[in-house]
Each structure stands twice: as structure tokens, then as C-alpha cells.
């Protein structure tokens, strides 16, 4: 009795299984790459202070006082 193996890789499982594996591999590569981009060096306290001042969250006087406090450490 002869088996037609082409049905497994031509019209059967292989028709959707191999492309599915390729799509999953691409998905995980993209996901892993995007997670690596999100990993950044932590901001220094001075960077945070400058950002807050630039956004207008603190006044110039508050900025100068906090800057002086940070430089004393």
C-alpha cells in the first residue's frame, strides 16, 4: 500500500502549518525587538528635574532649590 505523503506537505498540514510557523517566528522577533527598545537607562534625578521644569510643573525658584539640593549629595 502506497501512502501519498504530498497530502501532508502539499494540500494538508503543510499548507497552513509552515506559514503559521513563519508568522509566529516573525511575531516573536518583532515582540522581542520592541521590548528591547523599551529598556532604557534610568533617568538621573537631574534629568527628571530638568524635564519637570521644561514641562512647567515646577517654578524657576523650585528648580534652582532642588538643583542645589541635588548638587549637595
N, C-alpha and C. Protein backbone atom coordinates (compact mmCIF):
# COMPACT_ATOMS: atom_id res chain seq x y z
N UNK A 1 0.84 -1.17 0.00
CA UNK A 1 0.00 0.00 0.00
C UNK A 1 0.90 1.24 0.00
N UNK A 2 0.65 2.14 -0.92
CA UNK A 2 1.46 3.36 -1.01
C UNK A 2 0.73 4.50 -0.33
N UNK A 3 1.51 5.30 0.35
CA UNK A 3 0.95 6.49 1.00
C UNK A 3 1.31 7.71 0.19
N UNK A 4 0.38 8.60 0.09
CA UNK A 4 0.63 9.84 -0.64
C UNK A 4 1.07 10.89 0.39
N UNK A 5 2.40 11.06 0.53
CA UNK A 5 2.92 12.00 1.51
C UNK A 5 2.75 13.45 1.09
N UNK A 6 2.43 13.66 -0.17
CA UNK A 6 2.22 15.03 -0.62
C UNK A 6 1.02 15.67 0.05
N UNK A 7 0.08 14.86 0.49
CA UNK A 7 -1.10 15.44 1.15
C UNK A 7 -0.71 16.08 2.48
N UNK A 8 0.37 15.61 3.11
CA UNK A 8 0.79 16.19 4.39
C UNK A 8 1.52 17.51 4.19
N UNK A 9 2.28 17.64 3.14
CA UNK A 9 3.07 18.86 2.95
C UNK A 9 2.58 19.70 1.78
N UNK A 10 1.71 19.20 0.98
CA UNK A 10 1.22 19.96 -0.15
C UNK A 10 -0.15 20.55 0.13
N UNK A 11 -1.14 19.71 0.28
CA UNK A 11 -2.51 20.20 0.44
C UNK A 11 -3.03 20.05 1.87
N UNK A 12 -2.29 19.38 2.72
CA UNK A 12 -2.78 19.12 4.08
C UNK A 12 -2.16 20.05 5.10
N UNK A 13 -1.49 19.46 6.09
CA UNK A 13 -0.92 20.20 7.20
C UNK A 13 0.07 21.26 6.75
N UNK A 14 0.90 20.92 5.82
CA UNK A 14 1.94 21.84 5.39
C UNK A 14 1.41 23.10 4.77
N UNK A 15 0.21 23.04 4.26
CA UNK A 15 -0.36 24.21 3.61
C UNK A 15 -0.59 25.36 4.58
N UNK A 16 -0.87 25.05 5.83
CA UNK A 16 -1.06 26.11 6.82
C UNK A 16 -0.06 26.06 7.96
N UNK A 17 0.56 24.91 8.19
CA UNK A 17 1.46 24.75 9.33
C UNK A 17 2.76 25.52 9.14
N UNK A 18 3.38 25.40 7.99
CA UNK A 18 4.65 26.07 7.74
C UNK A 18 4.46 27.60 7.72
N UNK A 19 3.48 28.13 7.00
CA UNK A 19 3.27 29.59 7.09
C UNK A 19 2.95 30.06 8.51
N UNK A 20 2.23 29.23 9.27
CA UNK A 20 1.93 29.59 10.65
C UNK A 20 3.22 29.69 11.47
N UNK A 21 4.13 28.75 11.28
CA UNK A 21 5.41 28.81 11.98
C UNK A 21 6.19 30.06 11.60
N UNK A 22 6.17 30.40 10.34
CA UNK A 22 6.88 31.60 9.88
C UNK A 22 6.26 32.85 10.49
N UNK A 23 4.95 32.93 10.51
CA UNK A 23 4.26 34.09 11.10
C UNK A 23 4.56 34.19 12.59
N UNK A 24 4.53 33.07 13.30
CA UNK A 24 4.84 33.08 14.73
C UNK A 24 6.28 33.52 14.98
N UNK A 25 7.20 33.06 14.17
CA UNK A 25 8.60 33.45 14.33
C UNK A 25 8.77 34.95 14.12
N UNK A 26 8.12 35.49 13.10
CA UNK A 26 8.19 36.93 12.85
C UNK A 26 7.57 37.70 14.01
N UNK A 27 6.43 37.24 14.50
CA UNK A 27 5.77 37.89 15.63
C UNK A 27 6.68 37.97 16.85
N UNK A 28 7.30 36.84 17.21
CA UNK A 28 8.15 36.83 18.39
C UNK A 28 9.42 37.65 18.19
N UNK A 29 9.95 37.70 16.98
CA UNK A 29 11.10 38.55 16.71
C UNK A 29 10.75 40.02 16.88
N UNK A 30 9.61 40.42 16.36
CA UNK A 30 9.18 41.81 16.48
C UNK A 30 8.88 42.16 17.93
N UNK A 31 8.21 41.25 18.63
CA UNK A 31 7.86 41.49 20.04
C UNK A 31 9.13 41.63 20.88
N UNK A 32 10.10 40.74 20.67
CA UNK A 32 11.34 40.78 21.42
C UNK A 32 12.11 42.05 21.11
N UNK A 33 12.11 42.46 19.85
CA UNK A 33 12.82 43.67 19.45
C UNK A 33 12.19 44.91 20.06
N UNK A 34 10.86 44.95 20.11
CA UNK A 34 10.19 46.12 20.69
C UNK A 34 10.40 46.18 22.20
N UNK A 35 10.50 45.05 22.86
CA UNK A 35 10.76 45.05 24.30
C UNK A 35 12.16 45.55 24.58
N UNK A 36 13.12 45.22 23.73
CA UNK A 36 14.49 45.68 23.93
C UNK A 36 14.60 47.19 23.74
N UNK A 37 13.77 47.76 22.88
CA UNK A 37 13.81 49.20 22.68
C UNK A 37 13.25 49.94 23.88
N UNK A 38 12.35 49.32 24.61
CA UNK A 38 11.75 49.97 25.78
C UNK A 38 12.69 50.01 26.96
N UNK A 39 13.74 49.20 26.92
CA UNK A 39 14.70 49.17 28.02
C UNK A 39 15.68 50.32 27.81
N UNK A 40 15.60 51.31 28.67
CA UNK A 40 16.47 52.46 28.58
C UNK A 40 17.20 52.62 29.90
N UNK A 41 18.28 53.35 29.84
CA UNK A 41 18.97 53.62 31.09
C UNK A 41 18.08 54.53 31.93
N UNK A 42 18.08 54.31 33.22
CA UNK A 42 17.20 55.12 34.08
C UNK A 42 17.63 56.59 34.05
N UNK A 43 16.63 57.46 34.19
CA UNK A 43 16.92 58.89 34.20
C UNK A 43 17.58 59.27 35.52
N UNK A 44 18.51 60.18 35.41
CA UNK A 44 19.13 60.69 36.63
C UNK A 44 18.16 61.67 37.29
N UNK A 45 18.34 61.92 38.58
CA UNK A 45 17.47 62.90 39.24
C UNK A 45 17.52 64.28 38.57
N UNK A 46 18.70 64.65 38.07
CA UNK A 46 18.84 65.95 37.40
C UNK A 46 18.05 65.97 36.09
N UNK A 47 18.05 64.85 35.36
CA UNK A 47 17.26 64.77 34.13
C UNK A 47 15.77 64.92 34.42
N UNK A 48 15.32 64.28 35.48
CA UNK A 48 13.91 64.37 35.87
C UNK A 48 13.57 65.80 36.25
N UNK A 49 14.46 66.43 37.00
CA UNK A 49 14.23 67.81 37.43
C UNK A 49 14.16 68.74 36.22
N UNK A 50 15.07 68.58 35.27
CA UNK A 50 15.06 69.41 34.06
C UNK A 50 13.79 69.19 33.25
N UNK A 51 13.35 67.94 33.16
CA UNK A 51 12.13 67.64 32.41
C UNK A 51 10.91 68.29 33.07
N UNK A 52 10.85 68.21 34.40
CA UNK A 52 9.72 68.81 35.12
C UNK A 52 9.70 70.32 34.95
N UNK A 53 10.88 70.93 34.96
CA UNK A 53 10.96 72.38 34.77
C UNK A 53 10.55 72.75 33.34
N UNK A 54 11.00 71.96 32.38
CA UNK A 54 10.66 72.23 30.98
C UNK A 54 9.16 72.08 30.74
N UNK A 55 8.52 71.18 31.44
CA UNK A 55 7.07 70.98 31.29
C UNK A 55 6.26 72.04 32.04
N UNK A 56 6.93 72.81 32.88
CA UNK A 56 6.23 73.83 33.65
C UNK A 56 5.61 73.28 34.93
N UNK A 57 6.03 72.12 35.36
CA UNK A 57 5.48 71.52 36.58
C UNK A 57 6.02 72.21 37.83
N UNK A 58 7.20 72.80 37.72
CA UNK A 58 7.81 73.50 38.85
C UNK A 58 8.26 74.88 38.39
N UNK A 59 8.37 75.79 39.34
CA UNK A 59 8.81 77.15 39.02
C UNK A 59 10.33 77.19 38.96
N UNK A 60 10.85 78.34 38.49
CA UNK A 60 12.30 78.51 38.40
C UNK A 60 12.92 78.45 39.81
N UNK A 61 12.24 79.05 40.78
CA UNK A 61 12.75 79.04 42.15
C UNK A 61 12.82 77.61 42.69
N UNK A 62 11.76 76.84 42.45
CA UNK A 62 11.76 75.44 42.89
C UNK A 62 12.87 74.66 42.19
N UNK A 63 13.03 74.92 40.89
CA UNK A 63 14.07 74.25 40.12
C UNK A 63 15.45 74.54 40.70
N UNK A 64 15.72 75.82 40.95
CA UNK A 64 17.04 76.20 41.47
C UNK A 64 17.30 75.59 42.84
N UNK A 65 16.27 75.58 43.71
CA UNK A 65 16.44 75.00 45.05
C UNK A 65 16.70 73.50 44.96
N UNK A 66 15.91 72.81 44.14
CA UNK A 66 16.08 71.36 44.00
C UNK A 66 17.42 71.04 43.33
N UNK A 67 17.82 71.86 42.39
CA UNK A 67 19.10 71.66 41.72
C UNK A 67 20.24 71.79 42.74
N UNK A 68 20.13 72.78 43.60
CA UNK A 68 21.14 72.98 44.65
C UNK A 68 21.15 71.80 45.62
N UNK A 69 19.95 71.33 45.98
CA UNK A 69 19.85 70.17 46.87
C UNK A 69 20.49 68.93 46.25
N UNK A 70 20.26 68.74 44.97
CA UNK A 70 20.83 67.57 44.30
C UNK A 70 22.35 67.66 44.19
N UNK A 71 22.86 68.85 43.98
CA UNK A 71 24.31 69.00 43.83
C UNK A 71 25.04 68.83 45.15
N UNK A 72 24.33 68.97 46.29
CA UNK A 72 24.95 68.79 47.61
C UNK A 72 25.14 67.31 47.92
N UNK A 73 24.46 66.43 47.23
CA UNK A 73 24.58 65.00 47.54
C UNK A 73 25.86 64.42 47.07
